[in-house]
Amino acid sequence: MGSYIKDGGVWRTLTAIYVKAGGVWRNATGVFVKDGGTWRDVSPAINITISSNQTNYNLYTAAVAAGYGGGAATINVTINSGVVINSSSTGSPAFTFGSIASSATVNLTNSGTIQGAGGTGGTGGNNPTGGSRTGAAGGSGGNALNITCPTSITNGSGYIWGGGGGGGGGGSGDDGDPKNTVYGAGGGGGGGAGNAVGSGGAGGGPNSPPSDYYGGSAGSAGTTSAGGAGGAGATSYGGGNGGGGGAPGANGSSGVAGTVYGGGAGGAAGKAINLNGNSVTWVSGNDATHVKGAVS
């Protein structure tokens, strides 16, 4: 609801209220008034509008700059249409509440896009002198939104998408000729969808035709809306193809096994919302188009 004070003839919104208890000024965790026999919450409100693209956005940092002193408060966040909030890596969410207290409440109105980073495709399995012959696993996608308190979300005109997992690399193999064995490497996994996108995995090697080694192709990078294709393995000589990268909020596909060695597992998708044990109340936009990835 919010609290106001008249200052110099102008009503102003309070962003924090303090009380002196035991000689120490303390941030009020809640302010109520009795109106018509009913206690009503008039705790301080923080209003934040995000009008330009952001990377690894930290709500706590912005709220402190707007007057948040910690503890209970109502924080109203509006993301304007066309704004993209992304992440520079899968290890960090695109949008985090940071140190916002669990006693606070956030009301998020999202008309933009919050999207985690895509996972990297796994490397294809190598020929005998190139290293591991099993396809490498795809990397996990990153989370879109990380919350630390109860949150209400209006998302009918916005998107909250976890990063797609990277595809697994294809396994290596050979042509099965015991007298003149020719070896085939696996293809690289495709990168997961995201913002930033996941890069494709390298194809297995070495590649030295027309001798006994044939390499695999690299996987393709993902895009913001789709996972990248897996690279082709040297299938004529036993190599497996790389798995495709996951779409937004979807796991990557496993790499195909070669004739001798297995393909790598697909990477796990990033979450749309990492709840950290908190609750979300959806006002709108909780559907497969606007939310891609787990809310858990």
C-alpha atoms as a PDB file:
ATOM      1  CA  MET A   1       0.000   0.000   0.000  1.00  0.00           C
ATOM      2  CA  GLY A   2       2.789   2.457   0.910  1.00  0.00           C
ATOM      3  CA  SER A   3       3.384   5.320   3.361  1.00  0.00           C
ATOM      4  CA  TYR A   4       3.505   9.071   2.678  1.00  0.00           C
ATOM      5  CA  ILE A   5       4.685  12.189   4.511  1.00  0.00           C
ATOM      6  CA  LYS A   6       3.991  15.832   3.757  1.00  0.00           C
ATOM      7  CA  ASP A   7       7.295  17.658   3.288  1.00  0.00           C
ATOM      8  CA  GLY A   8       7.338  21.329   2.301  1.00  0.00           C
ATOM      9  CA  GLY A   9       3.718  21.127   1.225  1.00  0.00           C
ATOM     10  CA  VAL A  10       4.333  18.100  -1.018  1.00  0.00           C
ATOM     11  CA  TRP A  11       3.273  14.520  -0.263  1.00  0.00           C
ATOM     12  CA  ARG A  12       6.276  12.217  -0.680  1.00  0.00           C
ATOM     13  CA  THR A  13       6.530   8.420  -0.700  1.00  0.00           C
ATOM     14  CA  LEU A  14       8.470   6.965   2.218  1.00  0.00           C
ATOM     15  CA  THR A  15      11.052   4.391   1.191  1.00  0.00           C
ATOM     16  CA  ALA A  16      12.047   3.436   4.763  1.00  0.00           C
ATOM     17  CA  ILE A  17      10.728   3.983   8.283  1.00  0.00           C
ATOM     18  CA  TYR A  18      12.838   3.750  11.457  1.00  0.00           C
ATOM     19  CA  VAL A  19      11.848   3.523  15.122  1.00  0.00           C
ATOM     20  CA  LYS A  20      14.053   4.080  18.184  1.00  0.00           C
ATOM     21  CA  ALA A  21      14.092   0.964  20.356  1.00  0.00           C
ATOM     22  CA  GLY A  22      16.381   0.662  23.384  1.00  0.00           C
ATOM     23  CA  GLY A  23      18.272   3.743  22.245  1.00  0.00           C
ATOM     24  CA  VAL A  24      18.978   2.267  18.823  1.00  0.00           C
ATOM     25  CA  TRP A  25      17.357   3.304  15.567  1.00  0.00           C
ATOM     26  CA  ARG A  26      15.961   0.230  13.811  1.00  0.00           C
ATOM     27  CA  ASN A  27      14.407  -0.274  10.398  1.00  0.00           C
ATOM     28  CA  ALA A  28      10.656  -0.930  10.789  1.00  0.00           C
ATOM     29  CA  THR A  29       9.773  -4.367   9.431  1.00  0.00           C
ATOM     30  CA  GLY A  30       6.128  -3.458   8.970  1.00  0.00           C
ATOM     31  CA  VAL A  31       3.853  -0.461   9.511  1.00  0.00           C
ATOM     32  CA  PHE A  32       0.091  -0.800  10.061  1.00  0.00           C
ATOM     33  CA  VAL A  33      -2.752   1.607  10.757  1.00  0.00           C
ATOM     34  CA  LYS A  34      -6.230   0.822  12.042  1.00  0.00           C
ATOM     35  CA  ASP A  35      -8.796   1.981   9.496  1.00  0.00           C
ATOM     36  CA  GLY A  36     -12.493   1.363  10.140  1.00  0.00           C
ATOM     37  CA  GLY A  37     -11.677  -1.309  12.683  1.00  0.00           C
ATOM     38  CA  THR A  38      -9.287  -3.123  10.286  1.00  0.00           C
ATOM     39  CA  TRP A  39      -5.513  -3.110  10.478  1.00  0.00           C
ATOM     40  CA  ARG A  40      -4.051  -2.186   7.090  1.00  0.00           C
ATOM     41  CA  ASP A  41      -0.482  -2.571   5.863  1.00  0.00           C
ATOM     42  CA  VAL A  42       1.094   0.779   4.981  1.00  0.00           C
ATOM     43  CA  SER A  43       4.690  -0.456   4.963  1.00  0.00           C
ATOM     44  CA  PRO A  44       7.155   1.596   2.898  1.00  0.00           C
ATOM     45  CA  ALA A  45       7.123   0.984  -0.845  1.00  0.00           C
ATOM     46  CA  ILE A  46      10.102   1.114  -3.223  1.00  0.00           C
ATOM     47  CA  ASN A  47       9.272   1.753  -6.888  1.00  0.00           C
ATOM     48  CA  ILE A  48      11.810   0.758  -9.539  1.00  0.00           C
ATOM     49  CA  THR A  49      11.462   0.972 -13.314  1.00  0.00           C
ATOM     50  CA  ILE A  50      13.932  -0.794 -15.603  1.00  0.00           C
ATOM     51  CA  SER A  51      13.929   1.014 -18.942  1.00  0.00           C
ATOM     52  CA  SER A  52      17.166  -0.201 -20.571  1.00  0.00           C
ATOM     53  CA  ASN A  53      18.843  -3.535 -21.197  1.00  0.00           C
ATOM     54  CA  GLN A  54      20.703  -5.035 -18.238  1.00  0.00           C
ATOM     55  CA  THR A  55      23.177  -7.862 -17.661  1.00  0.00           C
ATOM     56  CA  ASN A  56      23.212  -9.770 -14.349  1.00  0.00           C
ATOM     57  CA  TYR A  57      20.753  -7.327 -12.765  1.00  0.00           C
ATOM     58  CA  ASN A  58      20.812  -7.165  -8.948  1.00  0.00           C
ATOM     59  CA  LEU A  59      17.552  -5.882  -7.459  1.00  0.00           C
ATOM     60  CA  TYR A  60      19.057  -5.332  -4.008  1.00  0.00           C
ATOM     61  CA  THR A  61      21.629  -2.914  -5.407  1.00  0.00           C
ATOM     62  CA  ALA A  62      18.918  -0.935  -7.200  1.00  0.00           C
ATOM     63  CA  ALA A  63      16.590  -1.003  -4.180  1.00  0.00           C
ATOM     64  CA  VAL A  64      19.271   0.319  -1.823  1.00  0.00           C
ATOM     65  CA  ALA A  65      19.928   3.169  -4.246  1.00  0.00           C
ATOM     66  CA  ALA A  66      16.176   3.901  -4.115  1.00  0.00           C
ATOM     67  CA  GLY A  67      16.150   3.988  -0.299  1.00  0.00           C
ATOM     68  CA  TYR A  68      15.716   0.356   0.788  1.00  0.00           C
ATOM     69  CA  GLY A  69      17.190  -0.163   4.245  1.00  0.00           C
ATOM     70  CA  GLY A  70      16.732  -3.924   4.504  1.00  0.00           C
ATOM     71  CA  GLY A  71      13.993  -5.925   6.172  1.00  0.00           C
ATOM     72  CA  ALA A  72      10.314  -5.830   5.261  1.00  0.00           C
ATOM     73  CA  ALA A  73       9.240  -3.534   2.459  1.00  0.00           C
ATOM     74  CA  THR A  74       7.083  -3.620  -0.626  1.00  0.00           C
ATOM     75  CA  ILE A  75       9.243  -3.365  -3.749  1.00  0.00           C
ATOM     76  CA  ASN A  76       7.414  -2.678  -7.006  1.00  0.00           C
ATOM     77  CA  VAL A  77       9.491  -3.444 -10.108  1.00  0.00           C
ATOM     78  CA  THR A  78       8.431  -2.611 -13.669  1.00  0.00           C
ATOM     79  CA  ILE A  79      10.382  -3.890 -16.685  1.00  0.00           C
ATOM     80  CA  ASN A  80       9.437  -1.879 -19.750  1.00  0.00           C
ATOM     81  CA  SER A  81       8.503  -3.382 -23.093  1.00  0.00           C
ATOM     82  CA  GLY A  82      11.485  -4.317 -25.271  1.00  0.00           C
ATOM     83  CA  VAL A  83      13.946  -4.428 -22.370  1.00  0.00           C
ATOM     84  CA  VAL A  84      16.185  -7.526 -22.231  1.00  0.00           C
ATOM     85  CA  ILE A  85      17.769  -8.683 -18.976  1.00  0.00           C
ATOM     86  CA  ASN A  86      20.383 -11.333 -19.677  1.00  0.00           C
ATOM     87  CA  SER A  87      23.405 -13.025 -18.128  1.00  0.00           C
ATOM     88  CA  SER A  88      27.050 -13.084 -19.060  1.00  0.00           C
ATOM     89  CA  SER A  89      27.440 -16.715 -17.954  1.00  0.00           C
ATOM     90  CA  THR A  90      25.488 -19.794 -16.955  1.00  0.00           C
ATOM     91  CA  GLY A  91      26.822 -19.493 -13.403  1.00  0.00           C
ATOM     92  CA  SER A  92      24.843 -16.313 -12.684  1.00  0.00           C
ATOM     93  CA  PRO A  93      21.113 -15.644 -13.085  1.00  0.00           C
ATOM     94  CA  ALA A  94      20.040 -12.911 -15.451  1.00  0.00           C
ATOM     95  CA  PHE A  95      18.034 -11.212 -12.670  1.00  0.00           C
ATOM     96  CA  THR A  96      18.673 -11.820  -8.970  1.00  0.00           C
ATOM     97  CA  PHE A  97      17.053 -10.360  -5.886  1.00  0.00           C
ATOM     98  CA  GLY A  98      20.447 -10.475  -4.198  1.00  0.00           C
ATOM     99  CA  SER A  99      20.181  -9.673  -0.486  1.00  0.00           C
ATOM    100  CA  ILE A 100      16.506  -8.633  -0.471  1.00  0.00           C
ATOM    101  CA  ALA A 101      15.171  -9.894   2.870  1.00  0.00           C
ATOM    102  CA  SER A 102      12.782 -12.844   3.037  1.00  0.00           C
ATOM    103  CA  SER A 103      10.358 -10.570   4.949  1.00  0.00           C
ATOM    104  CA  ALA A 104      10.021  -8.230   1.951  1.00  0.00           C
ATOM    105  CA  THR A 105       7.479  -8.554  -0.860  1.00  0.00           C
ATOM    106  CA  VAL A 106       8.272  -7.943  -4.524  1.00  0.00           C
ATOM    107  CA  ASN A 107       5.640  -7.113  -7.130  1.00  0.00           C
ATOM    108  CA  LEU A 108       7.194  -7.677 -10.561  1.00  0.00           C
ATOM    109  CA  THR A 109       5.492  -6.394 -13.711  1.00  0.00           C
ATOM    110  CA  ASN A 110       7.446  -7.723 -16.666  1.00  0.00           C
ATOM    111  CA  SER A 111       6.818  -6.526 -20.213  1.00  0.00           C
ATOM    112  CA  GLY A 112      10.354  -7.371 -21.358  1.00  0.00           C
ATOM    113  CA  THR A 113      12.481 -10.530 -21.470  1.00  0.00           C
ATOM    114  CA  ILE A 114      14.442 -12.119 -18.632  1.00  0.00           C
ATOM    115  CA  GLN A 115      16.596 -14.903 -20.069  1.00  0.00           C
ATOM    116  CA  GLY A 116      19.405 -17.078 -18.724  1.00  0.00           C
ATOM    117  CA  ALA A 117      22.534 -18.013 -20.651  1.00  0.00           C
ATOM    118  CA  GLY A 118      22.689 -21.119 -22.839  1.00  0.00           C
ATOM    119  CA  GLY A 119      24.882 -24.113 -22.008  1.00  0.00           C
ATOM    120  CA  THR A 120      27.949 -24.998 -24.065  1.00  0.00           C
ATOM    121  CA  GLY A 121      27.900 -28.027 -26.349  1.00  0.00           C
ATOM    122  CA  GLY A 122      30.100 -30.979 -25.395  1.00  0.00           C
ATOM    123  CA  THR A 123      33.232 -31.872 -27.376  1.00  0.00           C
ATOM    124  CA  GLY A 124      33.017 -34.864 -29.660  1.00  0.00           C
ATOM    125  CA  GLY A 125      34.893 -38.046 -28.785  1.00  0.00           C
ATOM    126  CA  ASN A 126      38.395 -38.134 -30.230  1.00  0.00           C
ATOM    127  CA  ASN A 127      40.414 -40.524 -32.320  1.00  0.00           C
ATOM    128  CA  PRO A 128      43.111 -42.572 -30.498  1.00  0.00           C
ATOM    129  CA  THR A 129      45.802 -39.868 -30.195  1.00  0.00           C
ATOM    130  CA  GLY A 130      43.431 -36.979 -29.512  1.00  0.00           C
ATOM    131  CA  GLY A 131      42.383 -37.548 -25.909  1.00  0.00           C
ATOM    132  CA  SER A 132      39.094 -38.801 -24.494  1.00  0.00           C
ATOM    133  CA  ARG A 133      37.210 -40.935 -26.989  1.00  0.00           C
ATOM    134  CA  THR A 134      33.873 -40.607 -25.210  1.00  0.00           C
ATOM    135  CA  GLY A 135      31.765 -37.599 -26.081  1.00  0.00           C
ATOM    136  CA  ALA A 136      31.784 -34.876 -23.422  1.00  0.00           C
ATOM    137  CA  ALA A 137      28.607 -33.857 -21.621  1.00  0.00           C
ATOM    138  CA  GLY A 138      26.868 -30.629 -22.585  1.00  0.00           C
ATOM    139  CA  GLY A 139      26.968 -27.716 -20.172  1.00  0.00           C
ATOM    140  CA  SER A 140      23.991 -26.693 -18.061  1.00  0.00           C
ATOM    141  CA  GLY A 141      21.917 -23.650 -18.956  1.00  0.00           C
ATOM    142  CA  GLY A 142      21.666 -20.681 -16.602  1.00  0.00           C
ATOM    143  CA  ASN A 143      18.693 -19.506 -14.540  1.00  0.00           C
ATOM    144  CA  ALA A 144      16.629 -16.503 -15.571  1.00  0.00           C
ATOM    145  CA  LEU A 145      15.246 -15.191 -12.255  1.00  0.00           C
ATOM    146  CA  ASN A 146      16.450 -15.814  -8.697  1.00  0.00           C
ATOM    147  CA  ILE A 147      14.084 -14.716  -5.908  1.00  0.00           C
ATOM    148  CA  THR A 148      14.594 -14.416  -2.158  1.00  0.00           C
ATOM    149  CA  CYS A 149      11.132 -13.444  -0.918  1.00  0.00           C
ATOM    150  CA  PRO A 150       7.438 -13.871  -1.780  1.00  0.00           C
ATOM    151  CA  THR A 151       6.840 -12.466  -5.243  1.00  0.00           C
ATOM    152  CA  SER A 152       3.825 -11.489  -7.327  1.00  0.00           C
ATOM    153  CA  ILE A 153       4.418 -11.608 -11.087  1.00  0.00           C
ATOM    154  CA  THR A 154       2.458  -9.942 -13.878  1.00  0.00           C
ATOM    155  CA  ASN A 155       3.957 -11.440 -17.035  1.00  0.00           C
ATOM    156  CA  GLY A 156       1.258 -11.427 -19.713  1.00  0.00           C
ATOM    157  CA  SER A 157       3.385  -9.215 -21.987  1.00  0.00           C
ATOM    158  CA  GLY A 158       6.782 -10.537 -20.937  1.00  0.00           C
ATOM    159  CA  TYR A 159       8.996 -13.612 -21.064  1.00  0.00           C
ATOM    160  CA  ILE A 160      10.967 -15.451 -18.382  1.00  0.00           C
ATOM    161  CA  TRP A 161      13.111 -18.111 -20.034  1.00  0.00           C
ATOM    162  CA  GLY A 162      15.792 -20.334 -18.582  1.00  0.00           C
ATOM    163  CA  GLY A 163      18.848 -21.093 -20.688  1.00  0.00           C
ATOM    164  CA  GLY A 164      18.826 -24.285 -22.758  1.00  0.00           C
ATOM    165  CA  GLY A 165      21.266 -27.064 -21.924  1.00  0.00           C
ATOM    166  CA  GLY A 166      24.117 -27.819 -24.321  1.00  0.00           C
ATOM    167  CA  GLY A 167      24.036 -30.954 -26.425  1.00  0.00           C
ATOM    168  CA  GLY A 168      26.376 -33.832 -25.630  1.00  0.00           C
ATOM    169  CA  GLY A 169      29.289 -34.673 -27.893  1.00  0.00           C
ATOM    170  CA  GLY A 170      29.092 -37.759 -30.091  1.00  0.00           C
ATOM    171  CA  GLY A 171      31.204 -40.788 -29.241  1.00  0.00           C
ATOM    172  CA  SER A 172      34.051 -42.079 -31.391  1.00  0.00           C
ATOM    173  CA  GLY A 173      34.522 -45.433 -33.038  1.00  0.00           C
ATOM    174  CA  ASP A 174      36.089 -47.230 -35.991  1.00  0.00           C
ATOM    175  CA  ASP A 175      35.125 -49.055 -39.146  1.00  0.00           C
ATOM    176  CA  GLY A 176      35.608 -52.483 -37.603  1.00  0.00           C
ATOM    177  CA  ASP A 177      38.276 -53.650 -40.060  1.00  0.00           C
ATOM    178  CA  PRO A 178      40.882 -55.504 -37.938  1.00  0.00           C
ATOM    179  CA  LYS A 179      43.514 -55.431 -40.695  1.00  0.00           C
ATOM    180  CA  ASN A 180      43.395 -51.743 -41.562  1.00  0.00           C
ATOM    181  CA  THR A 181      41.370 -49.957 -38.916  1.00  0.00           C
ATOM    182  CA  VAL A 182      40.106 -46.476 -39.766  1.00  0.00           C
ATOM    183  CA  TYR A 183      38.905 -44.321 -36.878  1.00  0.00           C
ATOM    184  CA  GLY A 184      36.060 -41.832 -36.795  1.00  0.00           C
ATOM    185  CA  ALA A 185      35.608 -39.068 -34.233  1.00  0.00           C
ATOM    186  CA  GLY A 186      32.343 -37.728 -32.822  1.00  0.00           C
ATOM    187  CA  GLY A 187      30.620 -34.479 -33.645  1.00  0.00           C
ATOM    188  CA  GLY A 188      30.392 -31.615 -31.158  1.00  0.00           C
ATOM    189  CA  GLY A 189      27.170 -30.870 -29.319  1.00  0.00           C
ATOM    190  CA  GLY A 190      25.036 -27.891 -30.210  1.00  0.00           C
ATOM    191  CA  GLY A 191      24.914 -24.881 -27.916  1.00  0.00           C
ATOM    192  CA  GLY A 192      21.861 -24.197 -25.800  1.00  0.00           C
ATOM    193  CA  ALA A 193      19.457 -21.354 -26.459  1.00  0.00           C
ATOM    194  CA  GLY A 194      20.014 -18.326 -24.292  1.00  0.00           C
ATOM    195  CA  ASN A 195      21.056 -14.754 -23.923  1.00  0.00           C
ATOM    196  CA  ALA A 196      24.074 -15.067 -24.050  1.00  0.00           C
ATOM    197  CA  VAL A 197      23.852 -18.064 -26.377  1.00  0.00           C
ATOM    198  CA  GLY A 198      25.654 -21.330 -25.748  1.00  0.00           C
ATOM    199  CA  SER A 199      28.571 -22.037 -28.053  1.00  0.00           C
ATOM    200  CA  GLY A 200      28.791 -25.270 -30.041  1.00  0.00           C
ATOM    201  CA  GLY A 201      31.215 -27.969 -28.931  1.00  0.00           C
ATOM    202  CA  ALA A 202      34.293 -28.781 -30.979  1.00  0.00           C
ATOM    203  CA  GLY A 203      34.308 -31.864 -33.147  1.00  0.00           C
ATOM    204  CA  GLY A 204      36.587 -34.697 -32.130  1.00  0.00           C
ATOM    205  CA  GLY A 205      39.993 -35.104 -33.776  1.00  0.00           C
ATOM    206  CA  PRO A 206      42.584 -35.362 -35.019  1.00  0.00           C
ATOM    207  CA  ASN A 207      41.582 -35.300 -38.655  1.00  0.00           C
ATOM    208  CA  SER A 208      44.253 -36.573 -41.040  1.00  0.00           C
ATOM    209  CA  PRO A 209      42.677 -38.123 -44.126  1.00  0.00           C
ATOM    210  CA  PRO A 210      43.419 -40.032 -46.220  1.00  0.00           C
ATOM    211  CA  SER A 211      45.275 -41.833 -43.419  1.00  0.00           C
ATOM    212  CA  ASP A 212      43.504 -43.556 -40.544  1.00  0.00           C
ATOM    213  CA  TYR A 213      41.827 -40.634 -38.680  1.00  0.00           C
ATOM    214  CA  TYR A 214      38.655 -38.769 -39.642  1.00  0.00           C
ATOM    215  CA  GLY A 215      37.491 -35.906 -37.434  1.00  0.00           C
ATOM    216  CA  GLY A 216      34.013 -34.762 -36.451  1.00  0.00           C
ATOM    217  CA  SER A 217      32.401 -31.397 -37.109  1.00  0.00           C
ATOM    218  CA  ALA A 218      31.739 -28.734 -34.491  1.00  0.00           C
ATOM    219  CA  GLY A 219      28.235 -28.149 -33.209  1.00  0.00           C
ATOM    220  CA  SER A 220      26.409 -24.918 -33.963  1.00  0.00           C
ATOM    221  CA  ALA A 221      25.846 -22.169 -31.411  1.00  0.00           C
ATOM    222  CA  GLY A 222      22.372 -21.668 -30.064  1.00  0.00           C
ATOM    223  CA  THR A 223      20.225 -18.607 -30.641  1.00  0.00           C
ATOM    224  CA  THR A 224      17.977 -16.729 -28.251  1.00  0.00           C
ATOM    225  CA  SER A 225      15.014 -18.850 -29.334  1.00  0.00           C
ATOM    226  CA  ALA A 226      16.477 -22.243 -30.356  1.00  0.00           C
ATOM    227  CA  GLY A 227      19.248 -24.683 -29.562  1.00  0.00           C
ATOM    228  CA  GLY A 228      22.067 -25.197 -32.050  1.00  0.00           C
ATOM    229  CA  ALA A 229      22.359 -28.322 -34.169  1.00  0.00           C
ATOM    230  CA  GLY A 230      24.828 -31.014 -33.204  1.00  0.00           C
ATOM    231  CA  GLY A 231      27.873 -31.471 -35.403  1.00  0.00           C
ATOM    232  CA  ALA A 232      28.257 -34.445 -37.712  1.00  0.00           C
ATOM    233  CA  GLY A 233      30.472 -37.283 -36.578  1.00  0.00           C
ATOM    234  CA  ALA A 234      32.636 -39.267 -38.964  1.00  0.00           C
ATOM    235  CA  THR A 235      29.795 -41.748 -39.294  1.00  0.00           C
ATOM    236  CA  SER A 236      31.352 -43.689 -42.175  1.00  0.00           C
ATOM    237  CA  TYR A 237      34.096 -44.697 -39.737  1.00  0.00           C
ATOM    238  CA  GLY A 238      32.077 -45.216 -36.557  1.00  0.00           C
ATOM    239  CA  GLY A 239      31.803 -41.698 -35.120  1.00  0.00           C
ATOM    240  CA  GLY A 240      28.514 -40.519 -33.602  1.00  0.00           C
ATOM    241  CA  ASN A 241      26.743 -37.218 -34.224  1.00  0.00           C
ATOM    242  CA  GLY A 242      26.604 -34.540 -31.545  1.00  0.00           C
ATOM    243  CA  GLY A 243      23.348 -33.889 -29.734  1.00  0.00           C
ATOM    244  CA  GLY A 244      21.312 -30.772 -30.345  1.00  0.00           C
ATOM    245  CA  GLY A 245      21.282 -27.939 -27.853  1.00  0.00           C
ATOM    246  CA  GLY A 246      18.136 -27.345 -25.828  1.00  0.00           C
ATOM    247  CA  ALA A 247      15.512 -24.731 -26.632  1.00  0.00           C
ATOM    248  CA  PRO A 248      14.859 -22.071 -23.957  1.00  0.00           C
ATOM    249  CA  GLY A 249      14.240 -23.857 -20.673  1.00  0.00           C
ATOM    250  CA  ALA A 250      14.859 -27.323 -22.215  1.00  0.00           C
ATOM    251  CA  ASN A 251      17.574 -29.910 -21.669  1.00  0.00           C
ATOM    252  CA  GLY A 252      20.158 -30.558 -24.351  1.00  0.00           C
ATOM    253  CA  SER A 253      20.068 -33.866 -26.232  1.00  0.00           C
ATOM    254  CA  SER A 254      22.621 -36.597 -25.616  1.00  0.00           C
ATOM    255  CA  GLY A 255      25.307 -37.222 -28.200  1.00  0.00           C
ATOM    256  CA  VAL A 256      25.006 -40.344 -30.324  1.00  0.00           C
ATOM    257  CA  ALA A 257      27.293 -43.215 -29.342  1.00  0.00           C
ATOM    258  CA  GLY A 258      30.039 -44.216 -31.735  1.00  0.00           C
ATOM    259  CA  THR A 259      30.667 -47.839 -32.586  1.00  0.00           C
ATOM    260  CA  VAL A 260      33.090 -48.127 -29.657  1.00  0.00           C
ATOM    261  CA  TYR A 261      32.606 -45.168 -27.287  1.00  0.00           C
ATOM    262  CA  GLY A 262      29.505 -43.535 -25.874  1.00  0.00           C
ATOM    263  CA  GLY A 263      28.103 -40.083 -26.473  1.00  0.00           C
ATOM    264  CA  GLY A 264      27.975 -37.399 -23.796  1.00  0.00           C
ATOM    265  CA  ALA A 265      24.855 -36.555 -21.830  1.00  0.00           C
ATOM    266  CA  GLY A 266      22.872 -33.448 -22.688  1.00  0.00           C
ATOM    267  CA  GLY A 267      23.178 -30.530 -20.308  1.00  0.00           C
ATOM    268  CA  ALA A 268      20.364 -29.631 -17.900  1.00  0.00           C
ATOM    269  CA  ALA A 269      18.203 -26.608 -18.646  1.00  0.00           C
ATOM    270  CA  GLY A 270      18.345 -23.508 -16.501  1.00  0.00           C
ATOM    271  CA  LYS A 271      15.303 -22.611 -14.436  1.00  0.00           C
ATOM    272  CA  ALA A 272      12.874 -19.898 -15.367  1.00  0.00           C
ATOM    273  CA  ILE A 273      12.633 -19.049 -11.660  1.00  0.00           C
ATOM    274  CA  ASN A 274      14.801 -20.322  -8.823  1.00  0.00           C
ATOM    275  CA  LEU A 275      12.427 -20.054  -5.855  1.00  0.00           C
ATOM    276  CA  ASN A 276      14.891 -20.704  -3.005  1.00  0.00           C
ATOM    277  CA  GLY A 277      11.920 -21.905  -0.973  1.00  0.00           C
ATOM    278  CA  ASN A 278       9.793 -18.797  -1.643  1.00  0.00           C
ATOM    279  CA  SER A 279       6.358 -18.533  -3.221  1.00  0.00           C
ATOM    280  CA  VAL A 280       5.215 -16.942  -6.467  1.00  0.00           C
ATOM    281  CA  THR A 281       1.723 -15.584  -7.083  1.00  0.00           C
ATOM    282  CA  TRP A 282       0.970 -15.289 -10.780  1.00  0.00           C
ATOM    283  CA  VAL A 283      -1.259 -12.434 -11.887  1.00  0.00           C
ATOM    284  CA  SER A 284      -0.781 -13.347 -15.573  1.00  0.00           C
ATOM    285  CA  GLY A 285       1.607 -14.920 -18.027  1.00  0.00           C
ATOM    286  CA  ASN A 286       2.222 -18.307 -16.394  1.00  0.00           C
ATOM    287  CA  ASP A 287       2.069 -20.384 -19.575  1.00  0.00           C
ATOM    288  CA  ALA A 288       4.362 -22.278 -21.930  1.00  0.00           C
ATOM    289  CA  THR A 289       4.866 -19.254 -24.181  1.00  0.00           C
ATOM    290  CA  HIS A 290       5.820 -16.741 -21.517  1.00  0.00           C
ATOM    291  CA  VAL A 291       7.614 -19.025 -19.040  1.00  0.00           C
ATOM    292  CA  LYS A 292      10.128 -21.613 -20.269  1.00  0.00           C
ATOM    293  CA  GLY A 293      11.947 -23.745 -17.732  1.00  0.00           C
ATOM    294  CA  ALA A 294      11.272 -24.988 -14.238  1.00  0.00           C
ATOM    295  CA  VAL A 295       9.804 -22.820 -11.466  1.00  0.00           C
ATOM    296  CA  SER A 296      11.193 -24.552  -8.418  1.00  0.00           C
END
